[in-house]
Amino acid sequence: MRGFFIQNKRILFILITQLALIWALWRTNLFLSEFKHEEESKIEILMAAYKKLIEAGPDEDLDLPLKILQANKNIPLIVLDQDNQLVYHTNVSKKNKLNKKDSLKIVEKAVKFEKDIPPMFLEIDDQKYQNIYYSPSHLYSRLFYYPLILIGIFLLFITTIYLYYRTGKISDENRLWSGIARETAHQIGTPLSSLMGWIEIMKTQKSMDIPIGELEKDVQRLNTISQRFSKIGSEPELKEENIVEISRNIAHYLQDRTSKQLKIKLDTPDKIYVSINKQLYEWVLENLIKNSIDAMEGKGEINISVFEDKNHVFIDVKDQGKGLSKNMYSEIFLPGFTTKKRGWGLGLSLAKRIIEQYHNGKIFVQKSEPGKGTTMRIVIPKKD
């Protein structure tokens, strides 16, 4: 039972707070309903008191109806005669003495009252009558909006809890991916150490039948992959590196391991230095090149351009593949999105995280057209 509460504490907390807010809303609604009935009773008493004053004879005791009317400090009352002239008013204007303009304003208010509540008719004699206009008290009018405010607070609270839960869930997922990545790096490290040992043994035997050089490259590649995974979830160290040389090495490595019908060409100066993490940048560029290879199905030409301006370094990877429609420009960076039959759709989402979060740069589709190819661009800012 304790384990159940620990595992579901967020959901239980949200449920309890929702029930508490629903209960508060229900109680508030009951209170308003009771308050409304009480005000209706007060209005009936006020009407009876006013009617008593109008109909009273010269010798009748009017002390009680006068006290009832004077005790009313909240409910607005307006009395007009048969000619729509103001006879009596209370809780409508703060002025004791009214001029003609003030009286007209009060008559206008009576018309507004009539739209919500029909006036009470009071017959004085065959020729004369009065209409008594009233509205709910100022206190009731303010309380009327209280449930709406409470609902607003409720919705704001639910939104806050959802965002908190969502953020917590994303944080848990990030920790999970970091754990998986580090465990993968650890698992790769064991056979990698063994392979490196065997290579050293083969070197001493000087065996010419085994391509030790290429084998060394692949082992080094495994070592690089291990380092990449180990850096996920931790803040990478950025150093001034020759990004041209790194890009050229990645291009040459992949060229030797892809179809002879596909050419990877570079258009770069000799050197451009920028602050990057070498292993993570290699991961991003390798991912872009491999995506281009897949899009071209192993045939065609990939052009890699590296250039700079005063504040930024730009890396373009241009292919002659299938291309993308404009509505896919942002979708391709979403975790899980893939156009391949196999794959988890994590490559570009990780590339975006590496460039934007770790290098404060940008990665985006610079240009693409279905059937003609795609140009992906990386922008890395230079240090001040």
Protein backbone atom coordinates (compact mmCIF):
# COMPACT_ATOMS: atom_id res chain seq x y z
CA MET A 1 0.00 0.00 0.00
CA ARG A 2 2.82 2.40 0.88
CA GLY A 3 4.50 1.67 -2.43
CA PHE A 4 1.27 2.46 -4.25
CA PHE A 5 1.07 5.89 -2.58
CA ILE A 6 4.71 6.67 -3.37
CA GLN A 7 4.37 5.70 -7.05
CA ASN A 8 1.12 7.62 -7.52
CA LYS A 9 1.70 10.58 -5.19
CA ARG A 10 1.40 13.16 -7.99
CA ILE A 11 -1.92 11.78 -9.24
CA LEU A 12 -3.28 11.47 -5.70
CA PHE A 13 -2.23 15.03 -4.88
CA ILE A 14 -3.97 16.38 -7.99
CA LEU A 15 -7.10 14.33 -7.22
CA ILE A 16 -7.29 15.54 -3.61
CA THR A 17 -6.83 19.20 -4.57
CA GLN A 18 -9.47 18.89 -7.28
CA LEU A 19 -11.96 17.40 -4.80
CA ALA A 20 -11.19 20.19 -2.32
CA LEU A 21 -11.80 22.86 -4.94
CA ILE A 22 -15.00 21.21 -6.15
CA TRP A 23 -16.25 21.06 -2.55
CA ALA A 24 -15.41 24.76 -2.05
CA LEU A 25 -17.25 25.66 -5.25
CA TRP A 26 -20.29 23.64 -4.21
CA ARG A 27 -20.39 25.23 -0.75
CA THR A 28 -20.03 28.70 -2.29
CA ASN A 29 -22.94 28.01 -4.63
CA LEU A 30 -25.10 26.90 -1.69
CA PHE A 31 -24.19 30.05 0.23
CA LEU A 32 -25.08 32.28 -2.73
CA SER A 33 -28.40 30.50 -3.16
CA GLU A 34 -29.26 31.02 0.53
CA PHE A 35 -28.10 34.65 0.37
CA LYS A 36 -30.32 35.26 -2.66
CA HIS A 37 -33.39 33.86 -0.91
CA GLU A 38 -32.62 36.01 2.14
CA GLU A 39 -32.39 39.12 -0.03
CA GLU A 40 -35.69 38.30 -1.71
CA SER A 41 -37.30 38.11 1.73
CA LYS A 42 -35.76 41.47 2.70
CA ILE A 43 -37.10 43.06 -0.49
CA GLU A 44 -40.60 41.79 0.28
CA ILE A 45 -40.36 43.32 3.78
CA LEU A 46 -39.13 46.64 2.32
CA MET A 47 -41.98 46.67 -0.17
CA ALA A 48 -44.49 46.03 2.61
CA ALA A 49 -42.95 48.79 4.76
CA TYR A 50 -43.06 51.31 1.93
CA LYS A 51 -46.63 50.36 1.06
CA LYS A 52 -47.58 50.84 4.72
CA LEU A 53 -46.16 54.36 4.65
CA ILE A 54 -48.07 55.29 1.51
CA GLU A 55 -51.38 53.82 2.62
CA ALA A 56 -51.20 54.87 6.29
CA GLY A 57 -53.82 57.13 7.80
CA PRO A 58 -52.99 60.33 9.76
CA ASP A 59 -53.22 58.66 13.19
CA GLU A 60 -51.32 55.42 12.42
CA ASP A 61 -47.98 54.62 14.07
CA LEU A 62 -45.29 54.63 11.31
CA ASP A 63 -42.29 54.09 13.51
CA LEU A 64 -41.73 50.43 12.47
CA PRO A 65 -41.96 50.87 8.66
CA LEU A 66 -39.66 53.91 8.88
CA LYS A 67 -37.07 51.92 10.86
CA ILE A 68 -37.27 49.08 8.30
CA LEU A 69 -36.62 51.46 5.40
CA GLN A 70 -33.83 53.29 7.24
CA ALA A 71 -32.13 50.00 8.16
CA ASN A 72 -31.72 49.13 4.46
CA LYS A 73 -28.11 50.00 3.65
CA ASN A 74 -27.49 47.67 0.70
CA ILE A 75 -30.52 47.05 -1.52
CA PRO A 76 -31.07 49.81 -4.13
CA LEU A 77 -34.69 51.06 -4.33
CA ILE A 78 -36.20 53.59 -6.77
CA VAL A 79 -39.83 54.71 -6.71
CA LEU A 80 -41.36 56.52 -9.71
CA ASP A 81 -44.89 57.90 -10.02
CA GLN A 82 -47.30 57.51 -12.93
CA ASP A 83 -45.49 60.33 -14.76
CA ASN A 84 -42.06 58.66 -14.29
CA GLN A 85 -41.07 61.34 -11.80
CA LEU A 86 -38.74 60.37 -8.98
CA VAL A 87 -40.55 59.93 -5.65
CA TYR A 88 -38.10 58.04 -3.47
CA HIS A 89 -34.68 56.45 -3.77
CA THR A 90 -32.13 54.78 -1.51
CA ASN A 91 -28.69 53.19 -2.01
CA VAL A 92 -28.56 54.57 -5.56
CA SER A 93 -26.88 57.97 -5.21
CA LYS A 94 -24.55 59.33 -2.56
CA LYS A 95 -26.08 62.81 -2.85
CA ASN A 96 -28.83 63.85 -0.44
CA LYS A 97 -29.99 66.79 -2.52
CA LEU A 98 -30.55 66.02 -6.19
CA ASN A 99 -30.69 68.42 -9.10
CA LYS A 100 -32.67 67.71 -12.25
CA LYS A 101 -29.72 66.02 -13.95
CA ASP A 102 -29.16 63.69 -10.99
CA SER A 103 -32.84 62.77 -10.94
CA LEU A 104 -32.76 61.88 -14.63
CA LYS A 105 -29.77 59.59 -14.03
CA ILE A 106 -31.66 57.76 -11.29
CA VAL A 107 -34.69 57.36 -13.58
CA GLU A 108 -32.34 55.84 -16.19
CA LYS A 109 -31.09 53.41 -13.56
CA ALA A 110 -34.68 52.40 -12.83
CA VAL A 111 -35.09 51.49 -16.51
CA LYS A 112 -31.95 49.32 -16.25
CA PHE A 113 -33.31 47.63 -13.12
CA GLU A 114 -36.50 46.82 -15.02
CA LYS A 115 -34.54 44.81 -17.63
CA ASP A 116 -33.46 42.34 -14.94
CA ILE A 117 -36.34 42.44 -12.42
CA PRO A 118 -39.93 43.59 -13.15
CA PRO A 119 -40.99 46.51 -10.89
CA MET A 120 -43.67 46.19 -8.24
CA PHE A 121 -46.89 48.08 -8.93
CA LEU A 122 -48.42 50.06 -6.06
CA GLU A 123 -51.87 51.59 -6.58
CA ILE A 124 -52.57 54.71 -4.50
CA ASP A 125 -56.03 55.64 -5.83
CA ASP A 126 -57.94 55.53 -9.09
CA GLN A 127 -55.79 58.25 -10.63
CA LYS A 128 -52.42 57.65 -9.06
CA TYR A 129 -49.97 54.76 -8.79
CA GLN A 130 -46.28 54.16 -8.25
CA ASN A 131 -43.73 51.64 -9.57
CA ILE A 132 -41.06 50.36 -7.21
CA TYR A 133 -37.80 49.37 -8.93
CA TYR A 134 -35.07 47.43 -7.18
CA SER A 135 -31.99 45.31 -7.84
CA PRO A 136 -29.86 42.90 -5.80
CA SER A 137 -27.64 44.48 -3.18
CA HIS A 138 -24.12 45.62 -3.97
CA LEU A 139 -22.79 42.83 -1.77
CA TYR A 140 -24.73 40.18 -3.70
CA SER A 141 -23.55 41.65 -7.02
CA ARG A 142 -19.94 41.29 -5.86
CA LEU A 143 -20.49 37.80 -4.50
CA PHE A 144 -22.18 36.77 -7.75
CA TYR A 145 -18.80 36.84 -9.51
CA TYR A 146 -17.05 34.93 -6.75
CA PRO A 147 -17.81 31.44 -8.23
CA LEU A 148 -16.41 32.62 -11.57
CA ILE A 149 -13.25 33.80 -9.81
CA LEU A 150 -13.09 30.50 -7.98
CA ILE A 151 -13.46 28.58 -11.25
CA GLY A 152 -10.69 30.73 -12.74
CA ILE A 153 -8.45 29.93 -9.78
CA PHE A 154 -9.37 26.27 -10.14
CA LEU A 155 -8.44 26.24 -13.85
CA LEU A 156 -5.21 28.12 -13.14
CA PHE A 157 -4.36 25.63 -10.40
CA ILE A 158 -5.07 22.66 -12.68
CA THR A 159 -2.92 24.21 -15.42
CA THR A 160 -0.08 24.78 -12.96
CA ILE A 161 -0.32 21.22 -11.66
CA TYR A 162 -0.38 19.87 -15.23
CA LEU A 163 2.70 21.87 -16.18
CA TYR A 164 4.42 20.74 -12.99
CA TYR A 165 3.52 17.11 -13.70
CA ARG A 166 4.53 17.44 -17.35
CA THR A 167 7.85 19.04 -16.43
CA GLY A 168 8.47 16.33 -13.86
CA LYS A 169 7.65 13.66 -16.42
CA ILE A 170 10.02 15.20 -18.98
CA SER A 171 12.70 15.44 -16.30
CA ASP A 172 12.20 11.77 -15.44
CA GLU A 173 12.43 10.86 -19.14
CA ASN A 174 15.63 12.88 -19.50
CA ARG A 175 17.13 11.12 -16.49
CA LEU A 176 16.06 7.78 -17.98
CA TRP A 177 17.68 8.57 -21.34
CA SER A 178 20.82 9.76 -19.58
CA GLY A 179 20.94 6.54 -17.61
CA ILE A 180 20.45 4.43 -20.73
CA ALA A 181 23.13 6.39 -22.58
CA ARG A 182 25.67 6.03 -19.79
CA GLU A 183 24.91 2.34 -19.38
CA THR A 184 25.36 1.89 -23.16
CA ALA A 185 28.72 3.66 -22.94
CA HIS A 186 29.70 1.34 -20.09
CA GLN A 187 28.61 -1.78 -21.99
CA ILE A 188 30.50 -0.70 -25.15
CA GLY A 189 33.60 0.04 -23.11
CA THR A 190 34.17 -3.57 -22.03
CA PRO A 191 34.48 -5.24 -25.48
CA LEU A 192 36.19 -2.10 -26.78
CA SER A 193 39.04 -2.51 -24.31
CA SER A 194 39.37 -6.13 -25.33
CA LEU A 195 39.47 -5.26 -29.06
CA MET A 196 42.16 -2.67 -28.47
CA GLY A 197 44.21 -5.29 -26.65
CA TRP A 198 43.88 -7.77 -29.52
CA ILE A 199 44.98 -5.09 -32.01
CA GLU A 200 48.16 -4.49 -30.02
CA ILE A 201 48.85 -8.26 -30.05
CA MET A 202 48.31 -8.42 -33.84
CA LYS A 203 50.68 -5.49 -34.31
CA THR A 204 53.45 -7.34 -32.54
CA GLN A 205 52.91 -10.38 -34.78
CA LYS A 206 53.06 -8.16 -37.89
CA SER A 207 50.31 -10.08 -39.65
CA MET A 208 49.89 -8.70 -43.20
CA ASP A 209 46.64 -10.57 -43.87
CA ILE A 210 44.57 -8.39 -41.48
CA PRO A 211 43.78 -4.72 -42.32
CA ILE A 212 44.91 -3.50 -38.91
CA GLY A 213 44.71 0.18 -39.94
CA GLU A 214 41.03 0.00 -40.85
CA LEU A 215 40.33 -2.12 -37.81
CA GLU A 216 41.98 0.56 -35.67
CA LYS A 217 39.72 3.22 -37.25
CA ASP A 218 36.60 1.23 -36.41
CA VAL A 219 37.76 0.63 -32.86
CA GLN A 220 38.50 4.33 -32.52
CA ARG A 221 34.99 4.99 -33.85
CA LEU A 222 33.55 2.72 -31.14
CA ASN A 223 35.58 4.63 -28.60
CA THR A 224 34.17 7.93 -29.94
CA ILE A 225 30.60 6.58 -29.77
CA SER A 226 31.21 5.52 -26.18
CA GLN A 227 32.43 9.03 -25.31
CA ARG A 228 29.37 10.57 -27.00
CA PHE A 229 26.94 8.48 -24.97
CA SER A 230 28.81 9.17 -21.75
CA LYS A 231 28.36 12.92 -22.25
CA ILE A 232 24.55 12.77 -22.43
CA GLY A 233 22.98 14.25 -19.31
CA SER A 234 26.12 16.15 -18.28
CA GLU A 235 27.42 19.58 -19.26
CA PRO A 236 29.96 19.06 -22.07
CA GLU A 237 33.29 20.84 -22.14
CA LEU A 238 33.70 23.24 -25.08
CA LYS A 239 37.13 23.90 -26.59
CA GLU A 240 38.49 25.93 -29.48
CA GLU A 241 38.70 23.40 -32.33
CA ASN A 242 39.39 23.50 -36.05
CA ILE A 243 35.89 22.67 -37.21
CA VAL A 244 37.03 22.31 -40.84
CA GLU A 245 39.44 19.49 -39.96
CA ILE A 246 36.82 17.71 -37.82
CA SER A 247 34.21 17.97 -40.60
CA ARG A 248 36.70 16.72 -43.20
CA ASN A 249 37.63 13.69 -41.08
CA ILE A 250 33.98 12.72 -40.59
CA ALA A 251 33.29 13.08 -44.32
CA HIS A 252 36.31 10.91 -45.26
CA TYR A 253 35.42 8.24 -42.70
CA LEU A 254 31.86 7.93 -43.99
CA GLN A 255 32.96 8.11 -47.65
CA ASP A 256 35.12 4.99 -47.17
CA ARG A 257 32.16 3.12 -45.70
CA THR A 258 29.38 3.96 -48.14
CA SER A 259 28.49 3.16 -51.75
CA LYS A 260 31.00 4.01 -54.47
CA GLN A 261 28.09 5.61 -56.35
CA LEU A 262 27.86 8.32 -53.69
CA LYS A 263 30.34 11.16 -53.38
CA ILE A 264 30.83 13.41 -50.37
CA LYS A 265 32.42 16.72 -51.40
CA LEU A 266 33.67 19.52 -49.18
CA ASP A 267 33.81 23.23 -49.85
CA THR A 268 35.79 24.65 -46.95
CA PRO A 269 38.75 26.89 -46.15
CA ASP A 270 41.83 25.37 -44.50
CA LYS A 271 40.79 26.22 -40.97
CA ILE A 272 38.07 27.85 -38.92
CA TYR A 273 38.30 27.79 -35.14
CA VAL A 274 35.22 27.83 -32.95
CA SER A 275 34.38 26.70 -29.42
CA ILE A 276 32.69 23.26 -29.62
CA ASN A 277 32.65 19.83 -28.06
CA LYS A 278 34.39 17.69 -30.66
CA GLN A 279 32.65 14.37 -29.94
CA LEU A 280 29.15 15.87 -29.87
CA TYR A 281 29.68 17.97 -33.00
CA GLU A 282 30.95 14.87 -34.83
CA TRP A 283 27.78 13.08 -33.74
CA VAL A 284 25.57 15.82 -35.20
CA LEU A 285 27.44 16.07 -38.52
CA GLU A 286 27.58 12.29 -38.88
CA ASN A 287 23.82 12.11 -38.28
CA LEU A 288 23.12 14.71 -40.97
CA ILE A 289 25.36 12.98 -43.51
CA LYS A 290 23.81 9.57 -42.80
CA ASN A 291 20.32 11.04 -43.20
CA SER A 292 21.40 12.43 -46.58
CA ILE A 293 22.81 9.04 -47.60
CA ASP A 294 19.51 7.37 -46.67
CA ALA A 295 17.49 10.03 -48.52
CA MET A 296 19.58 9.46 -51.69
CA GLU A 297 19.52 5.65 -51.30
CA GLY A 298 23.30 5.50 -51.69
CA LYS A 299 23.50 7.33 -55.03
CA GLY A 300 24.36 10.95 -55.81
CA GLU A 301 26.36 13.76 -54.28
CA ILE A 302 26.51 15.35 -50.83
CA ASN A 303 28.11 18.77 -50.50
CA ILE A 304 29.40 20.01 -47.15
CA SER A 305 30.18 23.71 -46.86
CA VAL A 306 31.86 25.36 -43.87
CA PHE A 307 32.09 29.16 -43.80
CA GLU A 308 31.99 32.03 -41.34
CA ASP A 309 31.11 35.64 -40.77
CA LYS A 310 32.10 37.99 -37.96
CA ASN A 311 29.96 36.34 -35.27
CA HIS A 312 29.02 32.84 -36.49
CA VAL A 313 30.26 29.68 -38.14
CA PHE A 314 27.95 27.99 -40.65
CA ILE A 315 27.91 24.34 -41.73
CA ASP A 316 25.65 23.35 -44.63
CA VAL A 317 24.95 19.73 -45.60
CA LYS A 318 23.29 19.61 -49.02
CA ASP A 319 22.01 16.43 -50.67
CA GLN A 320 20.11 15.43 -53.82
CA GLY A 321 17.61 13.25 -51.98
CA LYS A 322 13.83 13.06 -51.67
CA GLY A 323 13.43 16.49 -50.08
CA LEU A 324 10.87 17.70 -47.56
CA SER A 325 7.61 19.60 -47.70
CA LYS A 326 7.53 22.86 -45.69
CA ASN A 327 5.18 21.47 -43.03
CA MET A 328 7.89 18.90 -42.16
CA TYR A 329 10.63 21.48 -41.53
CA SER A 330 10.00 21.55 -37.78
CA GLU A 331 8.45 18.08 -37.41
CA ILE A 332 11.66 16.26 -38.29
CA PHE A 333 13.23 17.50 -35.03
CA LEU A 334 10.47 16.04 -32.83
CA PRO A 335 11.43 12.92 -30.81
CA GLY A 336 10.03 9.81 -32.47
CA PHE A 337 9.48 11.39 -35.90
CA THR A 338 11.01 9.35 -38.71
CA THR A 339 10.39 8.70 -42.39
CA LYS A 340 12.35 5.44 -42.29
CA LYS A 341 10.87 1.97 -41.92
CA ARG A 342 13.35 1.34 -39.13
CA GLY A 343 14.61 3.77 -36.55
CA TRP A 344 13.52 5.47 -33.36
CA GLY A 345 13.44 9.01 -34.74
CA LEU A 346 15.86 10.34 -32.10
CA GLY A 347 18.82 11.40 -34.25
CA LEU A 348 17.69 14.89 -35.24
CA SER A 349 16.06 15.59 -31.88
CA LEU A 350 19.39 14.82 -30.16
CA ALA A 351 21.24 16.87 -32.78
CA LYS A 352 18.95 19.83 -32.05
CA ARG A 353 19.57 19.48 -28.33
CA ILE A 354 23.34 19.27 -28.81
CA ILE A 355 23.53 22.37 -31.02
CA GLU A 356 20.93 24.55 -29.29
CA GLN A 357 21.36 23.66 -25.60
CA TYR A 358 25.05 22.80 -25.43
CA HIS A 359 26.46 25.13 -28.10
CA ASN A 360 23.86 27.95 -28.00
CA GLY A 361 23.51 27.58 -31.75
CA LYS A 362 20.81 26.68 -34.25
CA ILE A 363 20.06 23.77 -36.56
CA PHE A 364 17.31 23.94 -39.14
CA VAL A 365 16.22 23.14 -42.68
CA GLN A 366 17.80 25.94 -44.71
CA LYS A 367 16.16 24.83 -47.96
CA SER A 368 14.32 21.78 -49.24
CA GLU A 369 12.16 20.81 -52.19
CA PRO A 370 10.44 17.45 -52.74
CA GLY A 371 12.31 15.45 -55.35
CA LYS A 372 15.27 17.86 -55.50
CA GLY A 373 17.03 17.57 -52.16
CA THR A 374 17.55 19.23 -48.80
CA THR A 375 20.07 21.62 -47.28
CA MET A 376 20.49 21.41 -43.50
CA ARG A 377 22.26 24.27 -41.76
CA ILE A 378 24.11 24.42 -38.44
CA VAL A 379 24.92 27.84 -36.96
CA ILE A 380 27.41 28.05 -34.08
CA PRO A 381 28.14 31.42 -32.45
CA LYS A 382 31.72 32.54 -31.91
CA LYS A 383 32.88 33.65 -28.50
CA ASP A 384 33.08 37.41 -27.86
